[in-house]
Amino acid sequence: LSAPLAVYVDGGDEIVSPAESAALLCAGGRIPGLASGRSPAEI
């Protein structure tokens, strides 16, 4: 892409936490997105 990419991960058959998806995205050079309504522990 021609500009930075932020990725919001949710749903699907494979269940990953926001932290787990963030680790994958950071390793790939992408910006993790945090959706509204997550629990304090998840955040």
Full PDB file with SEQRES, HELIX, SHEET, SSBOND, CRYST1, ORIGX, SCALE, CONECT and MASTER records, all heavy atoms in Angstrom:
SEQRES   1 A   43  LEU SER ALA PRO LEU ALA VAL TYR VAL ASP GLY GLY ASP          
SEQRES   2 A   43  GLU ILE VAL SER PRO ALA GLU SER ALA ALA LEU LEU CYS          
SEQRES   3 A   43  ALA GLY GLY ARG ILE PRO GLY LEU ALA SER GLY ARG SER          
SEQRES   4 A   43  PRO ALA GLU ILE                                              
HELIX    1 AA1 PRO A   18  ALA A   27  1                                  10    
SHEET    1 AA1 2 ALA A   6  TYR A   8  0                                        
SHEET    2 AA1 2 ILE A  31  GLY A  33  1                                        
CRYST1    1.000    1.000    1.000  90.00  90.00  90.00 P 1           1          
ORIGX1      1.000000  0.000000  0.000000        0.00000                         
ORIGX2      0.000000  1.000000  0.000000        0.00000                         
ORIGX3      0.000000  0.000000  1.000000        0.00000                         
SCALE1      1.000000  0.000000  0.000000        0.00000                         
SCALE2      0.000000  1.000000  0.000000        0.00000                         
SCALE3      0.000000  0.000000  1.000000        0.00000                         
ATOM      1  N   LEU A   1       0.824  -1.201   0.000  1.00  0.00           N  
ATOM      2  CA  LEU A   1       0.000   0.000   0.000  1.00  0.00           C  
ATOM      3  C   LEU A   1       0.862   1.256   0.000  1.00  0.00           C  
ATOM      4  O   LEU A   1       2.045   1.206   0.362  1.00  0.00           O  
ATOM      5  CB  LEU A   1      -0.922   0.002   1.221  1.00  0.00           C  
ATOM      6  CG  LEU A   1      -1.927  -1.162   1.297  1.00  0.00           C  
ATOM      7  CD1 LEU A   1      -2.536  -1.238   2.688  1.00  0.00           C  
ATOM      8  CD2 LEU A   1      -3.003  -0.998   0.235  1.00  0.00           C  
ATOM      9  N   SER A   2       0.242   2.369  -0.371  1.00  0.00           N  
ATOM     10  CA  SER A   2       0.976   3.631  -0.500  1.00  0.00           C  
ATOM     11  C   SER A   2       1.021   4.437   0.791  1.00  0.00           C  
ATOM     12  O   SER A   2       1.595   5.526   0.824  1.00  0.00           O  
ATOM     13  CB  SER A   2       0.331   4.482  -1.602  1.00  0.00           C  
ATOM     14  OG  SER A   2      -1.029   4.761  -1.282  1.00  0.00           O  
ATOM     15  N   ALA A   3       0.398   3.941   1.841  1.00  0.00           N  
ATOM     16  CA  ALA A   3       0.362   4.634   3.134  1.00  0.00           C  
ATOM     17  C   ALA A   3       0.355   3.586   4.241  1.00  0.00           C  
ATOM     18  O   ALA A   3       0.102   2.409   3.985  1.00  0.00           O  
ATOM     19  CB  ALA A   3      -0.869   5.538   3.222  1.00  0.00           C  
ATOM     20  N   PRO A   4       0.631   3.996   5.484  1.00  0.00           N  
ATOM     21  CA  PRO A   4       0.614   3.026   6.592  1.00  0.00           C  
ATOM     22  C   PRO A   4      -0.722   2.310   6.699  1.00  0.00           C  
ATOM     23  O   PRO A   4      -1.770   2.859   6.356  1.00  0.00           O  
ATOM     24  CB  PRO A   4       0.879   3.908   7.818  1.00  0.00           C  
ATOM     25  CG  PRO A   4       1.616   5.091   7.283  1.00  0.00           C  
ATOM     26  CD  PRO A   4       1.054   5.340   5.925  1.00  0.00           C  
ATOM     27  N   LEU A   5      -0.674   1.084   7.206  1.00  0.00           N  
ATOM     28  CA  LEU A   5      -1.875   0.256   7.346  1.00  0.00           C  
ATOM     29  C   LEU A   5      -2.113  -0.066   8.815  1.00  0.00           C  
ATOM     30  O   LEU A   5      -1.240  -0.593   9.499  1.00  0.00           O  
ATOM     31  CB  LEU A   5      -1.721  -1.042   6.558  1.00  0.00           C  
ATOM     32  CG  LEU A   5      -2.854  -2.070   6.735  1.00  0.00           C  
ATOM     33  CD1 LEU A   5      -4.168  -1.530   6.179  1.00  0.00           C  
ATOM     34  CD2 LEU A   5      -2.478  -3.391   6.067  1.00  0.00           C  
ATOM     35  N   ALA A   6      -3.319   0.259   9.289  1.00  0.00           N  
ATOM     36  CA  ALA A   6      -3.756  -0.134  10.632  1.00  0.00           C  
ATOM     37  C   ALA A   6      -4.769  -1.265  10.489  1.00  0.00           C  
ATOM     38  O   ALA A   6      -5.648  -1.206   9.626  1.00  0.00           O  
ATOM     39  CB  ALA A   6      -4.385   1.048  11.362  1.00  0.00           C  
ATOM     40  N   VAL A   7      -4.643  -2.275  11.333  1.00  0.00           N  
ATOM     41  CA  VAL A   7      -5.461  -3.476  11.190  1.00  0.00           C  
ATOM     42  C   VAL A   7      -6.227  -3.748  12.478  1.00  0.00           C  
ATOM     43  O   VAL A   7      -5.633  -3.872  13.561  1.00  0.00           O  
ATOM     44  CB  VAL A   7      -4.594  -4.699  10.832  1.00  0.00           C  
ATOM     45  CG1 VAL A   7      -5.467  -5.934  10.636  1.00  0.00           C  
ATOM     46  CG2 VAL A   7      -3.758  -4.424   9.581  1.00  0.00           C  
ATOM     47  N   TYR A   8      -7.547  -3.861  12.336  1.00  0.00           N  
ATOM     48  CA  TYR A   8      -8.422  -4.240  13.436  1.00  0.00           C  
ATOM     49  C   TYR A   8      -8.808  -5.700  13.233  1.00  0.00           C  
ATOM     50  O   TYR A   8      -9.395  -6.048  12.204  1.00  0.00           O  
ATOM     51  CB  TYR A   8      -9.684  -3.383  13.458  1.00  0.00           C  
ATOM     52  CG  TYR A   8      -9.451  -1.943  13.858  1.00  0.00           C  
ATOM     53  CD1 TYR A   8      -9.086  -0.988  12.908  1.00  0.00           C  
ATOM     54  CD2 TYR A   8      -9.605  -1.542  15.176  1.00  0.00           C  
ATOM     55  CE1 TYR A   8      -8.884   0.333  13.269  1.00  0.00           C  
ATOM     56  CE2 TYR A   8      -9.404  -0.215  15.552  1.00  0.00           C  
ATOM     57  CZ  TYR A   8      -9.037   0.710  14.593  1.00  0.00           C  
ATOM     58  OH  TYR A   8      -8.837   2.023  14.958  1.00  0.00           O  
ATOM     59  N   VAL A   9      -8.467  -6.555  14.197  1.00  0.00           N  
ATOM     60  CA  VAL A   9      -8.705  -7.991  14.069  1.00  0.00           C  
ATOM     61  C   VAL A   9      -9.863  -8.404  14.963  1.00  0.00           C  
ATOM     62  O   VAL A   9      -9.882  -8.109  16.158  1.00  0.00           O  
ATOM     63  CB  VAL A   9      -7.445  -8.792  14.446  1.00  0.00           C  
ATOM     64  CG1 VAL A   9      -7.706 -10.295  14.323  1.00  0.00           C  
ATOM     65  CG2 VAL A   9      -6.266  -8.378  13.563  1.00  0.00           C  
ATOM     66  N   ASP A  10     -10.825  -9.098  14.365  1.00  0.00           N  
ATOM     67  CA  ASP A  10     -11.962  -9.576  15.148  1.00  0.00           C  
ATOM     68  C   ASP A  10     -12.656 -10.688  14.376  1.00  0.00           C  
ATOM     69  O   ASP A  10     -12.723 -10.660  13.151  1.00  0.00           O  
ATOM     70  CB  ASP A  10     -12.953  -8.445  15.419  1.00  0.00           C  
ATOM     71  CG  ASP A  10     -14.002  -8.825  16.456  1.00  0.00           C  
ATOM     72  OD1 ASP A  10     -13.736  -9.741  17.253  1.00  0.00           O  
ATOM     73  OD2 ASP A  10     -15.076  -8.209  16.456  1.00  0.00           O  
ATOM     74  N   GLY A  11     -13.165 -11.666  15.090  1.00  0.00           N  
ATOM     75  CA  GLY A  11     -13.941 -12.723  14.466  1.00  0.00           C  
ATOM     76  C   GLY A  11     -13.096 -13.784  13.798  1.00  0.00           C  
ATOM     77  O   GLY A  11     -11.864 -13.800  13.886  1.00  0.00           O  
ATOM     78  N   GLY A  12     -13.775 -14.705  13.133  1.00  0.00           N  
ATOM     79  CA  GLY A  12     -13.102 -15.816  12.478  1.00  0.00           C  
ATOM     80  C   GLY A  12     -13.139 -17.067  13.328  1.00  0.00           C  
ATOM     81  O   GLY A  12     -13.543 -17.053  14.496  1.00  0.00           O  
ATOM     82  N   ASP A  13     -12.704 -18.173  12.746  1.00  0.00           N  
ATOM     83  CA  ASP A  13     -12.706 -19.451  13.460  1.00  0.00           C  
ATOM     84  C   ASP A  13     -11.591 -19.533  14.493  1.00  0.00           C  
ATOM     85  O   ASP A  13     -11.728 -20.188  15.519  1.00  0.00           O  
ATOM     86  CB  ASP A  13     -12.559 -20.605  12.460  1.00  0.00           C  
ATOM     87  CG  ASP A  13     -13.760 -20.701  11.522  1.00  0.00           C  
ATOM     88  OD1 ASP A  13     -14.866 -20.342  11.950  1.00  0.00           O  
ATOM     89  OD2 ASP A  13     -13.570 -21.116  10.366  1.00  0.00           O  
ATOM     90  N   GLU A  14     -10.482 -18.872  14.205  1.00  0.00           N  
ATOM     91  CA  GLU A  14      -9.338 -18.882  15.123  1.00  0.00           C  
ATOM     92  C   GLU A  14      -9.485 -17.735  16.109  1.00  0.00           C  
ATOM     93  O   GLU A  14      -9.589 -16.569  15.718  1.00  0.00           O  
ATOM     94  CB  GLU A  14      -8.029 -18.739  14.337  1.00  0.00           C  
ATOM     95  CG  GLU A  14      -6.790 -18.828  15.206  1.00  0.00           C  
ATOM     96  CD  GLU A  14      -5.509 -18.682  14.386  1.00  0.00           C  
ATOM     97  OE1 GLU A  14      -5.595 -18.700  13.141  1.00  0.00           O  
ATOM     98  OE2 GLU A  14      -4.448 -18.538  15.007  1.00  0.00           O  
ATOM     99  N   ILE A  15      -9.509 -18.055  17.397  1.00  0.00           N  
ATOM    100  CA  ILE A  15      -9.685 -17.033  18.426  1.00  0.00           C  
ATOM    101  C   ILE A  15      -8.321 -16.567  18.929  1.00  0.00           C  
ATOM    102  O   ILE A  15      -7.541 -17.365  19.455  1.00  0.00           O  
ATOM    103  CB  ILE A  15     -10.524 -17.581  19.595  1.00  0.00           C  
ATOM    104  CG1 ILE A  15     -11.910 -18.002  19.109  1.00  0.00           C  
ATOM    105  CG2 ILE A  15     -10.653 -16.529  20.694  1.00  0.00           C  
ATOM    106  CD1 ILE A  15     -12.763 -18.658  20.172  1.00  0.00           C  
ATOM    107  N   VAL A  16      -8.049 -15.276  18.731  1.00  0.00           N  
ATOM    108  CA  VAL A  16      -6.813 -14.688  19.264  1.00  0.00           C  
ATOM    109  C   VAL A  16      -7.194 -13.449  20.061  1.00  0.00           C  
ATOM    110  O   VAL A  16      -8.180 -12.762  19.757  1.00  0.00           O  
ATOM    111  CB  VAL A  16      -5.815 -14.320  18.147  1.00  0.00           C  
ATOM    112  CG1 VAL A  16      -5.381 -15.553  17.378  1.00  0.00           C  
ATOM    113  CG2 VAL A  16      -6.390 -13.281  17.202  1.00  0.00           C  
ATOM    114  N   SER A  17      -6.434 -13.162  21.081  1.00  0.00           N  
ATOM    115  CA  SER A  17      -6.687 -11.986  21.902  1.00  0.00           C  
ATOM    116  C   SER A  17      -6.158 -10.745  21.183  1.00  0.00           C  
ATOM    117  O   SER A  17      -5.338 -10.847  20.268  1.00  0.00           O  
ATOM    118  CB  SER A  17      -5.983 -12.134  23.248  1.00  0.00           C  
ATOM    119  OG  SER A  17      -4.577 -12.071  23.064  1.00  0.00           O  
ATOM    120  N   PRO A  18      -6.605  -9.552  21.602  1.00  0.00           N  
ATOM    121  CA  PRO A  18      -6.025  -8.330  21.034  1.00  0.00           C  
ATOM    122  C   PRO A  18      -4.512  -8.277  21.185  1.00  0.00           C  
ATOM    123  O   PRO A  18      -3.814  -7.798  20.290  1.00  0.00           O  
ATOM    124  CB  PRO A  18      -6.715  -7.223  21.836  1.00  0.00           C  
ATOM    125  CG  PRO A  18      -8.020  -7.809  22.237  1.00  0.00           C  
ATOM    126  CD  PRO A  18      -7.732  -9.263  22.510  1.00  0.00           C  
ATOM    127  N   ALA A  19      -3.996  -8.764  22.302  1.00  0.00           N  
ATOM    128  CA  ALA A  19      -2.540  -8.757  22.510  1.00  0.00           C  
ATOM    129  C   ALA A  19      -1.835  -9.686  21.530  1.00  0.00           C  
ATOM    130  O   ALA A  19      -0.777  -9.350  20.987  1.00  0.00           O  
ATOM    131  CB  ALA A  19      -2.215  -9.166  23.945  1.00  0.00           C  
ATOM    132  N   GLU A  20      -2.417 -10.860  21.296  1.00  0.00           N  
ATOM    133  CA  GLU A  20      -1.794 -11.813  20.374  1.00  0.00           C  
ATOM    134  C   GLU A  20      -1.805 -11.289  18.942  1.00  0.00           C  
ATOM    135  O   GLU A  20      -0.804 -11.395  18.224  1.00  0.00           O  
ATOM    136  CB  GLU A  20      -2.532 -13.151  20.452  1.00  0.00           C  
ATOM    137  CG  GLU A  20      -2.318 -13.889  21.766  1.00  0.00           C  
ATOM    138  CD  GLU A  20      -3.266 -15.067  21.938  1.00  0.00           C  
ATOM    139  OE1 GLU A  20      -4.392 -15.039  21.389  1.00  0.00           O  
ATOM    140  OE2 GLU A  20      -2.879 -16.029  22.634  1.00  0.00           O  
ATOM    141  N   SER A  21      -2.921 -10.705  18.526  1.00  0.00           N  
ATOM    142  CA  SER A  21      -2.963 -10.155  17.175  1.00  0.00           C  
ATOM    143  C   SER A  21      -2.028  -8.956  17.053  1.00  0.00           C  
ATOM    144  O   SER A  21      -1.377  -8.766  16.022  1.00  0.00           O  
ATOM    145  CB  SER A  21      -4.393  -9.754  16.798  1.00  0.00           C  
ATOM    146  OG  SER A  21      -4.883  -8.719  17.623  1.00  0.00           O  
ATOM    147  N   ALA A  22      -1.916  -8.144  18.115  1.00  0.00           N  
ATOM    148  CA  ALA A  22      -1.008  -6.996  18.082  1.00  0.00           C  
ATOM    149  C   ALA A  22       0.440  -7.440  17.914  1.00  0.00           C  
ATOM    150  O   ALA A  22       1.202  -6.816  17.170  1.00  0.00           O  
ATOM    151  CB  ALA A  22      -1.156  -6.179  19.362  1.00  0.00           C  
ATOM    152  N   ALA A  23       0.823  -8.517  18.587  1.00  0.00           N  
ATOM    153  CA  ALA A  23       2.195  -9.012  18.472  1.00  0.00           C  
ATOM    154  C   ALA A  23       2.499  -9.437  17.037  1.00  0.00           C  
ATOM    155  O   ALA A  23       3.582  -9.145  16.500  1.00  0.00           O  
ATOM    156  CB  ALA A  23       2.410 -10.181  19.431  1.00  0.00           C  
ATOM    157  N   LEU A  24       1.547 -10.106  16.392  1.00  0.00           N  
ATOM    158  CA  LEU A  24       1.734 -10.526  15.006  1.00  0.00           C  
ATOM    159  C   LEU A  24       1.834  -9.322  14.079  1.00  0.00           C  
ATOM    160  O   LEU A  24       2.689  -9.279  13.182  1.00  0.00           O  
ATOM    161  CB  LEU A  24       0.579 -11.428  14.578  1.00  0.00           C  
ATOM    162  CG  LEU A  24       0.476 -12.779  15.284  1.00  0.00           C  
ATOM    163  CD1 LEU A  24      -0.838 -13.466  14.920  1.00  0.00           C  
ATOM    164  CD2 LEU A  24       1.663 -13.670  14.914  1.00  0.00           C  
ATOM    165  N   LEU A  25       0.972  -8.341  14.283  1.00  0.00           N  
ATOM    166  CA  LEU A  25       0.972  -7.164  13.426  1.00  0.00           C  
ATOM    167  C   LEU A  25       2.238  -6.328  13.607  1.00  0.00           C  
ATOM    168  O   LEU A  25       2.816  -5.841  12.634  1.00  0.00           O  
ATOM    169  CB  LEU A  25      -0.272  -6.322  13.697  1.00  0.00           C  
ATOM    170  CG  LEU A  25      -1.591  -6.963  13.259  1.00  0.00           C  
ATOM    171  CD1 LEU A  25      -2.774  -6.230  13.869  1.00  0.00           C  
ATOM    172  CD2 LEU A  25      -1.690  -6.978  11.746  1.00  0.00           C  
ATOM    173  N   CYS A  26       2.663  -6.156  14.838  1.00  0.00           N  
ATOM    174  CA  CYS A  26       3.897  -5.399  15.094  1.00  0.00           C  
ATOM    175  C   CYS A  26       5.098  -6.073  14.429  1.00  0.00           C  
ATOM    176  O   CYS A  26       5.945  -5.413  13.826  1.00  0.00           O  
ATOM    177  CB  CYS A  26       4.140  -5.256  16.590  1.00  0.00           C  
ATOM    178  SG  CYS A  26       3.019  -4.126  17.442  1.00  0.00           S  
ATOM    179  N   ALA A  27       5.154  -7.389  14.533  1.00  0.00           N  
ATOM    180  CA  ALA A  27       6.257  -8.131  13.912  1.00  0.00           C  
ATOM    181  C   ALA A  27       6.245  -7.960  12.404  1.00  0.00           C  
ATOM    182  O   ALA A  27       7.303  -7.987  11.754  1.00  0.00           O  
ATOM    183  CB  ALA A  27       6.165  -9.609  14.278  1.00  0.00           C  
ATOM    184  N   GLY A  28       5.055  -7.758  11.827  1.00  0.00           N  
ATOM    185  CA  GLY A  28       4.927  -7.577  10.391  1.00  0.00           C  
ATOM    186  C   GLY A  28       4.989  -6.129   9.958  1.00  0.00           C  
ATOM    187  O   GLY A  28       4.789  -5.829   8.774  1.00  0.00           O  
ATOM    188  N   GLY A  29       5.241  -5.217  10.889  1.00  0.00           N  
ATOM    189  CA  GLY A  29       5.371  -3.814  10.539  1.00  0.00           C  
ATOM    190  C   GLY A  29       4.051  -3.100  10.313  1.00  0.00           C  
ATOM    191  O   GLY A  29       4.024  -2.021   9.709  1.00  0.00           O  
ATOM    192  N   ARG A  30       2.949  -3.667  10.798  1.00  0.00           N  
ATOM    193  CA  ARG A  30       1.639  -3.040  10.653  1.00  0.00           C  
ATOM    194  C   ARG A  30       1.186  -2.459  11.983  1.00  0.00           C  
ATOM    195  O   ARG A  30       1.632  -2.876  13.051  1.00  0.00           O  
ATOM    196  CB  ARG A  30       0.606  -4.044  10.140  1.00  0.00           C  
ATOM    197  CG  ARG A  30       0.936  -4.632   8.776  1.00  0.00           C  
ATOM    198  CD  ARG A  30       1.193  -3.571   7.732  1.00  0.00           C  
ATOM    199  NE  ARG A  30       1.267  -4.113   6.382  1.00  0.00           N  
ATOM    200  CZ  ARG A  30       1.589  -3.407   5.305  1.00  0.00           C  
ATOM    201  NH1 ARG A  30       1.875  -2.117   5.434  1.00  0.00           N  
ATOM    202  NH2 ARG A  30       1.637  -3.976   4.113  1.00  0.00           N  
ATOM    203  N   ILE A  31       0.268  -1.490  11.926  1.00  0.00           N  
ATOM    204  CA  ILE A  31      -0.211  -0.797  13.118  1.00  0.00           C  
ATOM    205  C   ILE A  31      -1.402  -1.561  13.699  1.00  0.00           C  
ATOM    206  O   ILE A  31      -2.437  -1.692  13.034  1.00  0.00           O  
ATOM    207  CB  ILE A  31      -0.649   0.637  12.779  1.00  0.00           C  
ATOM    208  CG1 ILE A  31       0.514   1.416  12.153  1.00  0.00           C  
ATOM    209  CG2 ILE A  31      -1.173   1.352  14.014  1.00  0.00           C  
ATOM    210  CD1 ILE A  31       0.087   2.744  11.539  1.00  0.00           C  
ATOM    211  N   PRO A  32      -1.311  -2.046  14.914  1.00  0.00           N  
ATOM    212  CA  PRO A  32      -2.478  -2.713  15.522  1.00  0.00           C  
ATOM    213  C   PRO A  32      -3.592  -1.721  15.826  1.00  0.00           C  
ATOM    214  O   PRO A  32      -3.334  -0.589  16.253  1.00  0.00           O  
ATOM    215  CB  PRO A  32      -1.913  -3.305  16.817  1.00  0.00           C  
ATOM    216  CG  PRO A  32      -0.432  -3.308  16.640  1.00  0.00           C  
ATOM    217  CD  PRO A  32      -0.123  -2.130  15.778  1.00  0.00           C  
ATOM    218  N   GLY A  33      -4.828  -2.145  15.601  1.00  0.00           N  
ATOM    219  CA  GLY A  33      -5.978  -1.335  15.949  1.00  0.00           C  
ATOM    220  C   GLY A  33      -6.712  -1.961  17.120  1.00  0.00           C  
ATOM    221  O   GLY A  33      -6.881  -3.182  17.174  1.00  0.00           O  
ATOM    222  N   LEU A  34      -7.136  -1.129  18.059  1.00  0.00           N  
ATOM    223  CA  LEU A  34      -7.856  -1.605  19.241  1.00  0.00           C  
ATOM    224  C   LEU A  34      -9.301  -1.144  19.152  1.00  0.00           C  
ATOM    225  O   LEU A  34      -9.581   0.067  19.169  1.00  0.00           O  
ATOM    226  CB  LEU A  34      -7.210  -1.072  20.514  1.00  0.00           C  
ATOM    227  CG  LEU A  34      -7.843  -1.524  21.835  1.00  0.00           C  
ATOM    228  CD1 LEU A  34      -7.682  -3.027  22.036  1.00  0.00           C  
ATOM    229  CD2 LEU A  34      -7.232  -0.769  23.003  1.00  0.00           C  
ATOM    230  N   ALA A  35     -10.214  -2.074  19.064  1.00  0.00           N  
ATOM    231  CA  ALA A  35     -11.634  -1.742  18.947  1.00  0.00           C  
ATOM    232  C   ALA A  35     -12.183  -1.238  20.273  1.00  0.00           C  
ATOM    233  O   ALA A  35     -11.642  -1.526  21.347  1.00  0.00           O  
ATOM    234  CB  ALA A  35     -12.413  -2.975  18.490  1.00  0.00           C  
ATOM    235  N   SER A  36     -13.263  -0.488  20.191  1.00  0.00           N  
ATOM    236  CA  SER A  36     -13.949  -0.004  21.384  1.00  0.00           C  
ATOM    237  C   SER A  36     -14.614  -1.170  22.118  1.00  0.00           C  
ATOM    238  O   SER A  36     -14.994  -2.173  21.514  1.00  0.00           O  
ATOM    239  CB  SER A  36     -15.001   1.023  20.989  1.00  0.00           C  
ATOM    240  OG  SER A  36     -15.768   1.430  22.092  1.00  0.00           O  
ATOM    241  N   GLY A  37     -14.739  -1.024  23.427  1.00  0.00           N  
ATOM    242  CA  GLY A  37     -15.493  -1.997  24.209  1.00  0.00           C  
ATOM    243  C   GLY A  37     -14.703  -3.179  24.734  1.00  0.00           C  
ATOM    244  O   GLY A  37     -15.289  -4.092  25.321  1.00  0.00           O  
ATOM    245  N   ARG A  38     -13.409  -3.194  24.563  1.00  0.00           N  
ATOM    246  CA  ARG A  38     -12.596  -4.283  25.116  1.00  0.00           C  
ATOM    247  C   ARG A  38     -12.523  -4.162  26.637  1.00  0.00           C  
ATOM    248  O   ARG A  38     -12.634  -3.073  27.206  1.00  0.00           O  
ATOM    249  CB  ARG A  38     -11.182  -4.248  24.522  1.00  0.00           C  
ATOM    250  CG  ARG A  38     -11.125  -4.541  23.041  1.00  0.00           C  
ATOM    251  CD  ARG A  38     -11.492  -5.980  22.754  1.00  0.00           C  
ATOM    252  NE  ARG A  38     -11.265  -6.350  21.355  1.00  0.00           N  
ATOM    253  CZ  ARG A  38     -11.457  -7.565  20.863  1.00  0.00           C  
ATOM    254  NH1 ARG A  38     -11.888  -8.529  21.649  1.00  0.00           N  
ATOM    255  NH2 ARG A  38     -11.237  -7.819  19.593  1.00  0.00           N  
ATOM    256  N   SER A  39     -12.309  -5.272  27.290  1.00  0.00           N  
ATOM    257  CA  SER A  39     -12.237  -5.264  28.756  1.00  0.00           C  
ATOM    258  C   SER A  39     -10.923  -4.626  29.211  1.00  0.00           C  
ATOM    259  O   SER A  39      -9.940  -4.587  28.455  1.00  0.00           O  
ATOM    260  CB  SER A  39     -12.313  -6.693  29.292  1.00  0.00           C  
ATOM    261  OG  SER A  39     -11.106  -7.391  29.004  1.00  0.00           O  
ATOM    262  N   PRO A  40     -10.881  -4.107  30.448  1.00  0.00           N  
ATOM    263  CA  PRO A  40      -9.628  -3.537  30.961  1.00  0.00           C  
ATOM    264  C   PRO A  40      -8.460  -4.512  30.896  1.00  0.00           C  
ATOM    265  O   PRO A  40      -7.332  -4.111  30.586  1.00  0.00           O  
ATOM    266  CB  PRO A  40      -9.978  -3.174  32.406  1.00  0.00           C  
ATOM    267  CG  PRO A  40     -11.443  -2.892  32.367  1.00  0.00           C  
ATOM    268  CD  PRO A  40     -12.003  -3.882  31.388  1.00  0.00           C  
ATOM    269  N   ALA A  41      -8.707  -5.790  31.160  1.00  0.00           N  
ATOM    270  CA  ALA A  41      -7.624  -6.778  31.102  1.00  0.00           C  
ATOM    271  C   ALA A  41      -7.121  -6.947  29.674  1.00  0.00           C  
ATOM    272  O   ALA A  41      -5.902  -7.028  29.438  1.00  0.00           O  
ATOM    273  CB  ALA A  41      -8.110  -8.117  31.649  1.00  0.00           C  
ATOM    274  N   GLU A  42      -8.047  -6.992  28.710  1.00  0.00           N  
ATOM    275  CA  GLU A  42      -7.635  -7.122  27.308  1.00  0.00           C  
ATOM    276  C   GLU A  42      -6.841  -5.903  26.850  1.00  0.00           C  
ATOM    277  O   GLU A  42      -5.819  -6.033  26.154  1.00  0.00           O  
ATOM    278  CB  GLU A  42      -8.867  -7.292  26.412  1.00  0.00           C  
ATOM    279  CG  GLU A  42      -9.537  -8.642  26.524  1.00  0.00           C  
ATOM    280  CD  GLU A  42     -10.784  -8.715  25.664  1.00  0.00           C  
ATOM    281  OE1 GLU A  42     -11.583  -7.750  25.661  1.00  0.00           O  
ATOM    282  OE2 GLU A  42     -10.974  -9.748  24.984  1.00  0.00           O  
ATOM    283  N   ILE A  43      -7.298  -4.719  27.254  1.00  0.00           N  
ATOM    284  CA  ILE A  43      -6.587  -3.494  26.865  1.00  0.00           C  
ATOM    285  C   ILE A  43      -5.200  -3.465  27.486  1.00  0.00           C  
ATOM    286  O   ILE A  43      -4.214  -3.118  26.829  1.00  0.00           O  
ATOM    287  CB  ILE A  43      -7.396  -2.249  27.286  1.00  0.00           C  
ATOM    288  CG1 ILE A  43      -8.751  -2.234  26.580  1.00  0.00           C  
ATOM    289  CG2 ILE A  43      -6.622  -0.980  26.965  1.00  0.00           C  
ATOM    290  CD1 ILE A  43      -9.688  -1.151  27.091  1.00  0.00           C  
TER     291      ILE A  43                                                      
MASTER        0    0    0    1    2    0    0    6  290    1    0    4          
END                                                                             
